[in-house]
Amino acid sequence: MRKLIISAAMEMFIKDGYEKTSIRNIAEKIEYSPATIYLYYKDKDELFYEIQREAFDQLHAYFQEHAVSANPMERLRQLLKAYIEYGIANPDLYDLMFILRSPMKAVGEDDFWENCSGAFQFLIDTVEAAKDHLRFSDPTRAGMIMWGLGHGIIALTIRGRMKVTRMNEEEQADLVQIALQEFMQIIQK
C-alpha cells in the first residue's frame, strides 16, 4: 500500500506540483479513501518526505551508474556531472529534494536528515578516495562545497536564471561543462 501511495503521489507531484497535490487527490487516484492514506502518513509533509527519500534513492542510483571511473579524480568529475544532469533532467524532484520546505517539516529540529545520506555518503566516499589530489583536508567540507557548486548550477538552470547570460541552451550546456572543468582545476593540489 505504501508503494502504491508513494507512486501515485510522486506521479501527481511531478505532473501537478506540490500545491495541487492533496491527500484527497492521491486517494482518488488509487481508489481508496483519504483515511487509508492517513493510516500510513500523518500528513502531506510526511508523505512528501517519503517521496523525497525515493528521489534521493534515484539520485544515489544515478551516481552509482554514472560515476564509475577507477581514477578518483575522474570519478569525482563524473559525480558532479551526474548530479547536475540529474537535477536539470528532474526539476520537480529536485525542488522536492532541495528547495521545498514542506518535506523537511517531517524532520525534527534535532533529527538527522537521513533521506540524503546515501547520495551524500557516495559523494564523501568519492572525495575521500581523491583526497591525495585535493586541496581540502576535510572530506565533509569538500563535499558540501562541491554539492553547493552543483546546486547553484542546477538552481540557476531550472529556474531560468541562466537567461541573464543571453546564452541559448547549447551555450548554457557548454558553460556548465566549462564550469566543471574549471572547478576541478581549482580544487586540485
N, C-alpha and C. Protein backbone atom coordinates (compact mmCIF):
# COMPACT_ATOMS: atom_id res chain seq x y z
N MET A 1 0.82 -1.19 0.00
CA MET A 1 0.00 0.00 0.00
C MET A 1 0.87 1.26 0.00
N ARG A 2 1.94 1.22 0.81
CA ARG A 2 2.84 2.39 0.83
C ARG A 2 3.41 2.68 -0.56
N LYS A 3 3.83 1.62 -1.25
CA LYS A 3 4.39 1.80 -2.60
C LYS A 3 3.35 2.38 -3.54
N LEU A 4 2.13 1.93 -3.43
CA LEU A 4 1.05 2.45 -4.27
C LEU A 4 0.81 3.93 -3.99
N ILE A 5 0.77 4.29 -2.73
CA ILE A 5 0.57 5.69 -2.33
C ILE A 5 1.72 6.55 -2.84
N ILE A 6 2.94 6.11 -2.58
CA ILE A 6 4.13 6.88 -2.99
C ILE A 6 4.16 7.04 -4.50
N SER A 7 3.91 5.97 -5.22
CA SER A 7 3.94 6.02 -6.68
C SER A 7 2.93 7.03 -7.22
N ALA A 8 1.71 6.96 -6.71
CA ALA A 8 0.66 7.89 -7.17
C ALA A 8 1.00 9.33 -6.78
N ALA A 9 1.47 9.51 -5.55
CA ALA A 9 1.80 10.86 -5.08
C ALA A 9 2.95 11.45 -5.89
N MET A 10 3.97 10.64 -6.19
CA MET A 10 5.11 11.13 -6.96
C MET A 10 4.66 11.52 -8.37
N GLU A 11 3.86 10.68 -8.98
CA GLU A 11 3.36 10.97 -10.33
C GLU A 11 2.55 12.27 -10.34
N MET A 12 1.69 12.43 -9.36
CA MET A 12 0.86 13.64 -9.29
C MET A 12 1.70 14.87 -8.99
N PHE A 13 2.67 14.71 -8.10
CA PHE A 13 3.54 15.84 -7.77
C PHE A 13 4.28 16.32 -9.01
N ILE A 14 4.85 15.39 -9.77
CA ILE A 14 5.60 15.77 -10.97
C ILE A 14 4.68 16.41 -11.99
N LYS A 15 3.48 15.90 -12.11
CA LYS A 15 2.53 16.41 -13.11
C LYS A 15 1.90 17.73 -12.68
N ASP A 16 1.47 17.82 -11.41
CA ASP A 16 0.66 18.94 -10.94
C ASP A 16 1.37 19.89 -9.98
N GLY A 17 2.49 19.47 -9.41
CA GLY A 17 3.18 20.30 -8.43
C GLY A 17 2.70 20.01 -7.01
N TYR A 18 3.45 20.53 -6.06
CA TYR A 18 3.18 20.27 -4.64
C TYR A 18 1.84 20.83 -4.20
N GLU A 19 1.58 22.08 -4.52
CA GLU A 19 0.38 22.75 -4.03
C GLU A 19 -0.91 22.09 -4.52
N LYS A 20 -0.90 21.59 -5.74
CA LYS A 20 -2.11 21.00 -6.31
C LYS A 20 -2.27 19.52 -5.98
N THR A 21 -1.29 18.93 -5.36
CA THR A 21 -1.37 17.53 -4.98
C THR A 21 -1.84 17.45 -3.53
N SER A 22 -2.99 16.85 -3.33
CA SER A 22 -3.55 16.73 -1.98
C SER A 22 -3.73 15.26 -1.62
N ILE A 23 -3.88 15.01 -0.35
CA ILE A 23 -4.15 13.65 0.13
C ILE A 23 -5.43 13.14 -0.53
N ARG A 24 -6.43 13.99 -0.63
CA ARG A 24 -7.70 13.59 -1.26
C ARG A 24 -7.49 13.20 -2.72
N ASN A 25 -6.71 14.01 -3.48
CA ASN A 25 -6.43 13.68 -4.88
C ASN A 25 -5.69 12.36 -5.02
N ILE A 26 -4.74 12.15 -4.15
CA ILE A 26 -3.97 10.90 -4.19
C ILE A 26 -4.89 9.72 -3.90
N ALA A 27 -5.73 9.88 -2.90
CA ALA A 27 -6.68 8.82 -2.54
C ALA A 27 -7.60 8.50 -3.72
N GLU A 28 -8.08 9.51 -4.40
CA GLU A 28 -8.94 9.29 -5.57
C GLU A 28 -8.19 8.52 -6.65
N LYS A 29 -6.95 8.88 -6.86
CA LYS A 29 -6.15 8.23 -7.90
C LYS A 29 -5.96 6.74 -7.62
N ILE A 30 -5.73 6.39 -6.37
CA ILE A 30 -5.50 4.98 -6.04
C ILE A 30 -6.80 4.26 -5.66
N GLU A 31 -7.90 5.00 -5.72
CA GLU A 31 -9.24 4.46 -5.45
C GLU A 31 -9.39 3.92 -4.02
N TYR A 32 -8.88 4.70 -3.08
CA TYR A 32 -9.05 4.43 -1.66
C TYR A 32 -9.52 5.72 -1.02
N SER A 33 -9.92 5.64 0.22
CA SER A 33 -10.34 6.85 0.93
C SER A 33 -9.11 7.56 1.49
N PRO A 34 -9.23 8.87 1.72
CA PRO A 34 -8.12 9.60 2.35
C PRO A 34 -7.73 8.98 3.69
N ALA A 35 -8.71 8.43 4.39
CA ALA A 35 -8.42 7.82 5.70
C ALA A 35 -7.40 6.69 5.57
N THR A 36 -7.43 5.99 4.45
CA THR A 36 -6.47 4.91 4.23
C THR A 36 -5.05 5.47 4.19
N ILE A 37 -4.87 6.58 3.50
CA ILE A 37 -3.54 7.20 3.42
C ILE A 37 -3.09 7.65 4.80
N TYR A 38 -4.04 8.18 5.59
CA TYR A 38 -3.69 8.65 6.93
C TYR A 38 -3.32 7.51 7.88
N LEU A 39 -3.63 6.28 7.50
CA LEU A 39 -3.16 5.14 8.29
C LEU A 39 -1.64 4.99 8.16
N TYR A 40 -1.11 5.47 7.05
CA TYR A 40 0.32 5.31 6.76
C TYR A 40 1.13 6.59 6.97
N TYR A 41 0.50 7.72 6.74
CA TYR A 41 1.20 9.01 6.84
C TYR A 41 0.33 9.99 7.62
N LYS A 42 0.94 10.67 8.60
CA LYS A 42 0.14 11.56 9.44
C LYS A 42 -0.32 12.80 8.71
N ASP A 43 0.43 13.23 7.67
CA ASP A 43 0.04 14.42 6.91
C ASP A 43 0.78 14.46 5.58
N LYS A 44 0.51 15.46 4.79
CA LYS A 44 1.12 15.61 3.47
C LYS A 44 2.63 15.78 3.57
N ASP A 45 3.10 16.48 4.58
CA ASP A 45 4.54 16.68 4.75
C ASP A 45 5.26 15.34 4.93
N GLU A 46 4.70 14.48 5.75
CA GLU A 46 5.32 13.18 5.99
C GLU A 46 5.30 12.32 4.72
N LEU A 47 4.21 12.38 3.98
CA LEU A 47 4.12 11.65 2.72
C LEU A 47 5.16 12.17 1.73
N PHE A 48 5.29 13.48 1.63
CA PHE A 48 6.26 14.05 0.70
C PHE A 48 7.70 13.84 1.16
N TYR A 49 7.89 13.64 2.44
CA TYR A 49 9.21 13.27 2.93
C TYR A 49 9.59 11.90 2.37
N GLU A 50 8.62 10.99 2.31
CA GLU A 50 8.86 9.67 1.72
C GLU A 50 9.15 9.77 0.23
N ILE A 51 8.44 10.65 -0.46
CA ILE A 51 8.70 10.85 -1.88
C ILE A 51 10.11 11.42 -2.06
N GLN A 52 10.49 12.32 -1.17
CA GLN A 52 11.84 12.89 -1.21
C GLN A 52 12.87 11.77 -1.05
N ARG A 53 12.60 10.83 -0.16
CA ARG A 53 13.50 9.68 0.04
C ARG A 53 13.65 8.90 -1.28
N GLU A 54 12.53 8.66 -1.95
CA GLU A 54 12.56 7.96 -3.24
C GLU A 54 13.41 8.72 -4.25
N ALA A 55 13.26 10.03 -4.30
CA ALA A 55 14.03 10.85 -5.24
C ALA A 55 15.53 10.76 -4.92
N PHE A 56 15.89 10.78 -3.65
CA PHE A 56 17.30 10.66 -3.28
C PHE A 56 17.83 9.27 -3.58
N ASP A 57 16.99 8.25 -3.43
CA ASP A 57 17.41 6.90 -3.81
C ASP A 57 17.69 6.84 -5.31
N GLN A 58 16.86 7.51 -6.10
CA GLN A 58 17.09 7.58 -7.55
C GLN A 58 18.40 8.30 -7.86
N LEU A 59 18.63 9.41 -7.16
CA LEU A 59 19.88 10.16 -7.36
C LEU A 59 21.08 9.29 -7.02
N HIS A 60 21.01 8.58 -5.90
CA HIS A 60 22.10 7.71 -5.49
C HIS A 60 22.35 6.64 -6.55
N ALA A 61 21.29 6.02 -7.07
CA ALA A 61 21.43 5.02 -8.13
C ALA A 61 22.05 5.64 -9.39
N TYR A 62 21.66 6.89 -9.68
CA TYR A 62 22.22 7.59 -10.84
C TYR A 62 23.72 7.80 -10.64
N PHE A 63 24.11 8.17 -9.42
CA PHE A 63 25.53 8.32 -9.11
C PHE A 63 26.26 6.99 -9.36
N GLN A 64 25.71 5.91 -8.84
CA GLN A 64 26.35 4.60 -8.96
C GLN A 64 26.49 4.17 -10.41
N GLU A 65 25.57 4.60 -11.24
CA GLU A 65 25.60 4.24 -12.66
C GLU A 65 26.55 5.12 -13.47
N HIS A 66 26.70 6.39 -13.08
CA HIS A 66 27.43 7.34 -13.90
C HIS A 66 28.79 7.78 -13.35
N ALA A 67 29.08 7.50 -12.11
CA ALA A 67 30.38 7.86 -11.52
C ALA A 67 31.11 6.57 -11.20
N VAL A 68 31.77 6.04 -12.23
CA VAL A 68 32.31 4.68 -12.13
C VAL A 68 33.81 4.56 -12.40
N SER A 69 34.46 5.64 -12.74
CA SER A 69 35.88 5.58 -13.10
C SER A 69 36.71 5.05 -11.93
N ALA A 70 37.72 4.29 -12.28
CA ALA A 70 38.67 3.82 -11.26
C ALA A 70 39.56 4.96 -10.79
N ASN A 71 39.75 5.97 -11.64
CA ASN A 71 40.54 7.14 -11.27
C ASN A 71 39.69 8.02 -10.36
N PRO A 72 40.12 8.27 -9.12
CA PRO A 72 39.26 9.00 -8.17
C PRO A 72 38.91 10.43 -8.60
N MET A 73 39.82 11.13 -9.25
CA MET A 73 39.53 12.49 -9.71
C MET A 73 38.53 12.47 -10.86
N GLU A 74 38.67 11.52 -11.76
CA GLU A 74 37.72 11.39 -12.86
C GLU A 74 36.35 10.99 -12.33
N ARG A 75 36.34 10.09 -11.33
CA ARG A 75 35.06 9.68 -10.72
C ARG A 75 34.40 10.88 -10.03
N LEU A 76 35.19 11.73 -9.41
CA LEU A 76 34.64 12.94 -8.79
C LEU A 76 34.03 13.87 -9.84
N ARG A 77 34.72 14.04 -10.95
CA ARG A 77 34.18 14.86 -12.05
C ARG A 77 32.89 14.23 -12.59
N GLN A 78 32.89 12.92 -12.76
CA GLN A 78 31.69 12.21 -13.24
C GLN A 78 30.53 12.40 -12.27
N LEU A 79 30.85 12.37 -10.98
CA LEU A 79 29.83 12.53 -9.95
C LEU A 79 29.19 13.92 -10.01
N LEU A 80 30.01 14.94 -10.09
CA LEU A 80 29.47 16.31 -10.19
C LEU A 80 28.63 16.48 -11.46
N LYS A 81 29.12 15.93 -12.55
CA LYS A 81 28.37 15.99 -13.80
C LYS A 81 27.03 15.25 -13.67
N ALA A 82 27.06 14.08 -13.05
CA ALA A 82 25.84 13.29 -12.86
C ALA A 82 24.83 14.04 -11.99
N TYR A 83 25.32 14.69 -10.95
CA TYR A 83 24.45 15.46 -10.06
C TYR A 83 23.75 16.58 -10.83
N ILE A 84 24.52 17.30 -11.61
CA ILE A 84 23.95 18.41 -12.39
C ILE A 84 22.97 17.87 -13.43
N GLU A 85 23.34 16.81 -14.11
CA GLU A 85 22.44 16.21 -15.12
C GLU A 85 21.13 15.77 -14.49
N TYR A 86 21.21 15.09 -13.36
CA TYR A 86 20.00 14.59 -12.70
C TYR A 86 19.10 15.75 -12.29
N GLY A 87 19.68 16.77 -11.69
CA GLY A 87 18.88 17.91 -11.24
C GLY A 87 18.19 18.63 -12.38
N ILE A 88 18.91 18.85 -13.47
CA ILE A 88 18.33 19.56 -14.62
C ILE A 88 17.28 18.69 -15.31
N ALA A 89 17.50 17.38 -15.36
CA ALA A 89 16.54 16.48 -16.01
C ALA A 89 15.29 16.23 -15.16
N ASN A 90 15.39 16.47 -13.85
CA ASN A 90 14.28 16.19 -12.93
C ASN A 90 13.98 17.41 -12.06
N PRO A 91 13.59 18.53 -12.66
CA PRO A 91 13.45 19.77 -11.89
C PRO A 91 12.41 19.68 -10.76
N ASP A 92 11.31 18.98 -10.98
CA ASP A 92 10.30 18.88 -9.93
C ASP A 92 10.79 18.07 -8.74
N LEU A 93 11.44 16.94 -9.03
CA LEU A 93 12.01 16.15 -7.94
C LEU A 93 13.12 16.92 -7.25
N TYR A 94 13.91 17.65 -8.02
CA TYR A 94 14.99 18.45 -7.43
C TYR A 94 14.41 19.48 -6.46
N ASP A 95 13.32 20.12 -6.87
CA ASP A 95 12.65 21.06 -5.96
C ASP A 95 12.27 20.38 -4.66
N LEU A 96 11.68 19.20 -4.78
CA LEU A 96 11.25 18.45 -3.60
C LEU A 96 12.45 18.08 -2.73
N MET A 97 13.55 17.73 -3.38
CA MET A 97 14.74 17.31 -2.64
C MET A 97 15.42 18.47 -1.93
N PHE A 98 15.51 19.64 -2.60
CA PHE A 98 16.37 20.70 -2.09
C PHE A 98 15.72 22.06 -1.88
N ILE A 99 14.58 22.31 -2.49
CA ILE A 99 14.02 23.66 -2.45
C ILE A 99 12.81 23.76 -1.52
N LEU A 100 11.83 22.89 -1.73
CA LEU A 100 10.59 22.96 -0.94
C LEU A 100 10.86 22.69 0.53
N ARG A 101 10.29 23.52 1.38
CA ARG A 101 10.46 23.35 2.82
C ARG A 101 9.56 22.26 3.39
N SER A 102 8.43 22.04 2.74
CA SER A 102 7.40 21.18 3.30
C SER A 102 7.89 19.79 3.74
N PRO A 103 8.59 19.02 2.89
CA PRO A 103 9.00 17.69 3.35
C PRO A 103 9.91 17.75 4.57
N MET A 104 10.65 18.84 4.71
CA MET A 104 11.58 18.95 5.82
C MET A 104 10.87 19.18 7.16
N LYS A 105 9.58 19.53 7.10
CA LYS A 105 8.82 19.69 8.34
C LYS A 105 8.65 18.35 9.05
N ALA A 106 8.83 17.25 8.31
CA ALA A 106 8.73 15.92 8.90
C ALA A 106 9.99 15.54 9.69
N VAL A 107 11.04 16.36 9.57
CA VAL A 107 12.29 16.12 10.28
C VAL A 107 12.33 17.05 11.48
N GLY A 108 12.46 16.48 12.65
CA GLY A 108 12.55 17.29 13.86
C GLY A 108 13.79 18.17 13.83
N GLU A 109 13.76 19.23 14.60
CA GLU A 109 14.86 20.20 14.62
C GLU A 109 16.20 19.56 14.94
N ASP A 110 16.21 18.58 15.83
CA ASP A 110 17.46 17.93 16.22
C ASP A 110 17.69 16.60 15.51
N ASP A 111 16.80 16.24 14.59
CA ASP A 111 16.91 14.96 13.89
C ASP A 111 17.92 15.03 12.75
N PHE A 112 18.43 13.87 12.41
CA PHE A 112 19.33 13.72 11.27
C PHE A 112 18.47 13.58 10.01
N TRP A 113 18.84 14.26 8.95
CA TRP A 113 18.12 14.20 7.68
C TRP A 113 18.66 12.99 6.91
N GLU A 114 18.00 11.86 7.08
CA GLU A 114 18.51 10.62 6.53
C GLU A 114 18.23 10.44 5.04
N ASN A 115 17.24 11.13 4.49
CA ASN A 115 16.88 10.93 3.09
C ASN A 115 18.05 11.11 2.14
N CYS A 116 18.89 12.02 2.45
CA CYS A 116 20.01 12.40 1.58
C CYS A 116 21.26 11.57 1.86
N SER A 117 21.26 10.77 2.90
CA SER A 117 22.50 10.18 3.39
C SER A 117 23.19 9.26 2.39
N GLY A 118 22.47 8.45 1.62
CA GLY A 118 23.11 7.55 0.67
C GLY A 118 23.84 8.32 -0.42
N ALA A 119 23.15 9.28 -1.02
CA ALA A 119 23.76 10.09 -2.08
C ALA A 119 24.92 10.91 -1.53
N PHE A 120 24.73 11.51 -0.35
CA PHE A 120 25.79 12.32 0.23
C PHE A 120 26.99 11.46 0.61
N GLN A 121 26.74 10.27 1.14
CA GLN A 121 27.85 9.38 1.51
C GLN A 121 28.64 8.96 0.27
N PHE A 122 27.93 8.76 -0.83
CA PHE A 122 28.62 8.44 -2.09
C PHE A 122 29.59 9.57 -2.44
N LEU A 123 29.13 10.81 -2.29
CA LEU A 123 29.99 11.97 -2.55
C LEU A 123 31.18 11.98 -1.60
N ILE A 124 30.93 11.80 -0.31
CA ILE A 124 32.01 11.82 0.68
C ILE A 124 33.02 10.71 0.40
N ASP A 125 32.53 9.52 0.08
CA ASP A 125 33.44 8.41 -0.24
C ASP A 125 34.28 8.72 -1.47
N THR A 126 33.68 9.37 -2.45
CA THR A 126 34.39 9.73 -3.67
C THR A 126 35.45 10.79 -3.37
N VAL A 127 35.09 11.77 -2.56
CA VAL A 127 36.06 12.80 -2.15
C VAL A 127 37.19 12.15 -1.35
N GLU A 128 36.85 11.27 -0.45
CA GLU A 128 37.85 10.58 0.38
C GLU A 128 38.84 9.82 -0.51
N ALA A 129 38.33 9.16 -1.54
CA ALA A 129 39.21 8.41 -2.45
C ALA A 129 40.16 9.34 -3.22
N ALA A 130 39.72 10.57 -3.43
CA ALA A 130 40.52 11.54 -4.21
C ALA A 130 41.32 12.49 -3.32
N LYS A 131 41.28 12.31 -2.01
CA LYS A 131 41.83 13.31 -1.08
C LYS A 131 43.30 13.64 -1.31
N ASP A 132 44.09 12.69 -1.80
CA ASP A 132 45.50 12.97 -2.03
C ASP A 132 45.73 13.95 -3.18
N HIS A 133 44.69 14.17 -3.98
CA HIS A 133 44.79 15.06 -5.13
C HIS A 133 44.06 16.39 -4.91
N LEU A 134 43.44 16.54 -3.75
CA LEU A 134 42.59 17.71 -3.48
C LEU A 134 43.25 18.68 -2.51
N ARG A 135 42.86 19.93 -2.60
CA ARG A 135 43.34 20.97 -1.68
C ARG A 135 42.67 20.87 -0.31
N PHE A 136 41.59 20.12 -0.22
CA PHE A 136 40.81 20.03 1.01
C PHE A 136 41.33 18.93 1.91
N SER A 137 41.30 19.17 3.20
CA SER A 137 41.70 18.11 4.14
C SER A 137 40.48 17.43 4.77
N ASP A 138 39.36 18.12 4.79
CA ASP A 138 38.15 17.57 5.40
C ASP A 138 37.17 17.16 4.30
N PRO A 139 36.91 15.86 4.13
CA PRO A 139 36.03 15.40 3.06
C PRO A 139 34.60 15.94 3.17
N THR A 140 34.09 16.14 4.36
CA THR A 140 32.73 16.65 4.51
C THR A 140 32.65 18.10 4.03
N ARG A 141 33.60 18.91 4.42
CA ARG A 141 33.62 20.30 3.94
C ARG A 141 33.78 20.34 2.42
N ALA A 142 34.69 19.55 1.92
CA ALA A 142 34.89 19.49 0.47
C ALA A 142 33.61 19.05 -0.23
N GLY A 143 32.96 18.03 0.33
CA GLY A 143 31.72 17.54 -0.24
C GLY A 143 30.63 18.60 -0.26
N MET A 144 30.51 19.35 0.81
CA MET A 144 29.49 20.41 0.86
C MET A 144 29.80 21.53 -0.14
N ILE A 145 31.06 21.86 -0.32
CA ILE A 145 31.42 22.88 -1.29
C ILE A 145 31.10 22.40 -2.70
N MET A 146 31.41 21.15 -2.99
CA MET A 146 31.11 20.60 -4.30
C MET A 146 29.61 20.48 -4.53
N TRP A 147 28.90 20.03 -3.50
CA TRP A 147 27.43 19.93 -3.57
C TRP A 147 26.85 21.32 -3.87
N GLY A 148 27.41 22.33 -3.21
CA GLY A 148 26.94 23.70 -3.41
C GLY A 148 27.18 24.20 -4.82
N LEU A 149 28.31 23.86 -5.41
CA LEU A 149 28.57 24.25 -6.79
C LEU A 149 27.51 23.63 -7.70
N GLY A 150 27.29 22.34 -7.55
CA GLY A 150 26.29 21.68 -8.37
C GLY A 150 24.91 22.26 -8.15
N HIS A 151 24.58 22.51 -6.90
CA HIS A 151 23.27 23.06 -6.57
C HIS A 151 23.06 24.43 -7.23
N GLY A 152 24.09 25.24 -7.20
CA GLY A 152 23.98 26.56 -7.81
C GLY A 152 23.72 26.48 -9.30
N ILE A 153 24.45 25.62 -9.98
CA ILE A 153 24.27 25.47 -11.42
C ILE A 153 22.87 24.94 -11.72
N ILE A 154 22.45 23.93 -10.97
CA ILE A 154 21.12 23.36 -11.19
C ILE A 154 20.04 24.40 -10.94
N ALA A 155 20.12 25.09 -9.81
CA ALA A 155 19.09 26.07 -9.47
C ALA A 155 19.01 27.18 -10.51
N LEU A 156 20.15 27.69 -10.95
CA LEU A 156 20.15 28.73 -11.98
C LEU A 156 19.51 28.23 -13.27
N THR A 157 19.77 27.00 -13.60
CA THR A 157 19.25 26.43 -14.85
C THR A 157 17.75 26.15 -14.76
N ILE A 158 17.31 25.43 -13.73
CA ILE A 158 15.90 25.03 -13.70
C ILE A 158 14.97 26.19 -13.37
N ARG A 159 15.50 27.24 -12.81
CA ARG A 159 14.68 28.42 -12.51
C ARG A 159 14.78 29.49 -13.60
N GLY A 160 15.46 29.17 -14.69
CA GLY A 160 15.55 30.09 -15.82
C GLY A 160 16.44 31.29 -15.58
N ARG A 161 17.31 31.22 -14.57
CA ARG A 161 18.16 32.36 -14.24
C ARG A 161 19.39 32.45 -15.12
N MET A 162 19.67 31.40 -15.89
CA MET A 162 20.80 31.46 -16.82
C MET A 162 20.48 32.40 -17.98
N LYS A 163 19.22 32.77 -18.11
CA LYS A 163 18.82 33.68 -19.19
C LYS A 163 19.51 35.04 -19.09
N VAL A 164 19.99 35.37 -17.91
CA VAL A 164 20.69 36.63 -17.73
C VAL A 164 21.93 36.68 -18.62
N THR A 165 22.45 35.53 -19.00
CA THR A 165 23.65 35.47 -19.84
C THR A 165 23.34 35.68 -21.31
N ARG A 166 22.04 35.63 -21.66
CA ARG A 166 21.59 35.72 -23.06
C ARG A 166 22.14 34.59 -23.92
N MET A 167 22.50 33.49 -23.25
CA MET A 167 23.00 32.31 -23.97
C MET A 167 21.83 31.40 -24.33
N ASN A 168 21.96 30.71 -25.45
CA ASN A 168 20.95 29.71 -25.78
C ASN A 168 21.24 28.45 -24.95
N GLU A 169 20.37 27.45 -25.06
CA GLU A 169 20.53 26.24 -24.24
C GLU A 169 21.84 25.51 -24.50
N GLU A 170 22.25 25.48 -25.75
CA GLU A 170 23.51 24.81 -26.08
C GLU A 170 24.70 25.54 -25.45
N GLU A 171 24.68 26.86 -25.49
CA GLU A 171 25.75 27.65 -24.88
C GLU A 171 25.73 27.49 -23.36
N GLN A 172 24.54 27.40 -22.79
CA GLN A 172 24.43 27.18 -21.34
C GLN A 172 25.01 25.82 -20.96
N ALA A 173 24.72 24.80 -21.76
CA ALA A 173 25.26 23.46 -21.50
C ALA A 173 26.79 23.48 -21.60
N ASP A 174 27.31 24.22 -22.58
CA ASP A 174 28.76 24.36 -22.71
C ASP A 174 29.35 25.06 -21.48
N LEU A 175 28.65 26.08 -21.00
CA LEU A 175 29.11 26.81 -19.82
C LEU A 175 29.17 25.89 -18.60
N VAL A 176 28.20 25.02 -18.46
CA VAL A 176 28.20 24.06 -17.35
C VAL A 176 29.44 23.17 -17.43
N GLN A 177 29.76 22.69 -18.62
CA GLN A 177 30.94 21.83 -18.79
C GLN A 177 32.23 22.61 -18.47
N ILE A 178 32.29 23.84 -18.91
CA ILE A 178 33.46 24.68 -18.62
C ILE A 178 33.58 24.92 -17.11
N ALA A 179 32.45 25.18 -16.46
CA ALA A 179 32.45 25.39 -15.01
C ALA A 179 32.96 24.15 -14.29
N LEU A 180 32.54 22.98 -14.73
CA LEU A 180 33.02 21.73 -14.13
C LEU A 180 34.54 21.59 -14.31
N GLN A 181 35.01 21.85 -15.51
CA GLN A 181 36.46 21.74 -15.78
C GLN A 181 37.25 22.73 -14.91
N GLU A 182 36.78 23.97 -14.86
CA GLU A 182 37.47 24.99 -14.06
C GLU A 182 37.45 24.63 -12.58
N PHE A 183 36.31 24.16 -12.10
CA PHE A 183 36.19 23.79 -10.70
C PHE A 183 37.15 22.65 -10.37
N MET A 184 37.23 21.65 -11.23
CA MET A 184 38.12 20.52 -10.98
C MET A 184 39.58 20.99 -10.92
N GLN A 185 39.93 21.98 -11.74
CA GLN A 185 41.30 22.52 -11.68
C GLN A 185 41.55 23.27 -10.39
N ILE A 186 40.55 24.01 -9.93
CA ILE A 186 40.69 24.82 -8.71
C ILE A 186 40.89 23.95 -7.48
N ILE A 187 40.18 22.82 -7.42
CA ILE A 187 40.22 22.02 -6.19
C ILE A 187 41.42 21.08 -6.12
N GLN A 188 42.13 20.93 -7.23
CA GLN A 188 43.28 20.03 -7.25
C GLN A 188 44.51 20.69 -6.64
N LYS A 189 45.33 19.88 -6.01
CA LYS A 189 46.59 20.37 -5.45
C LYS A 189 47.51 20.79 -6.57
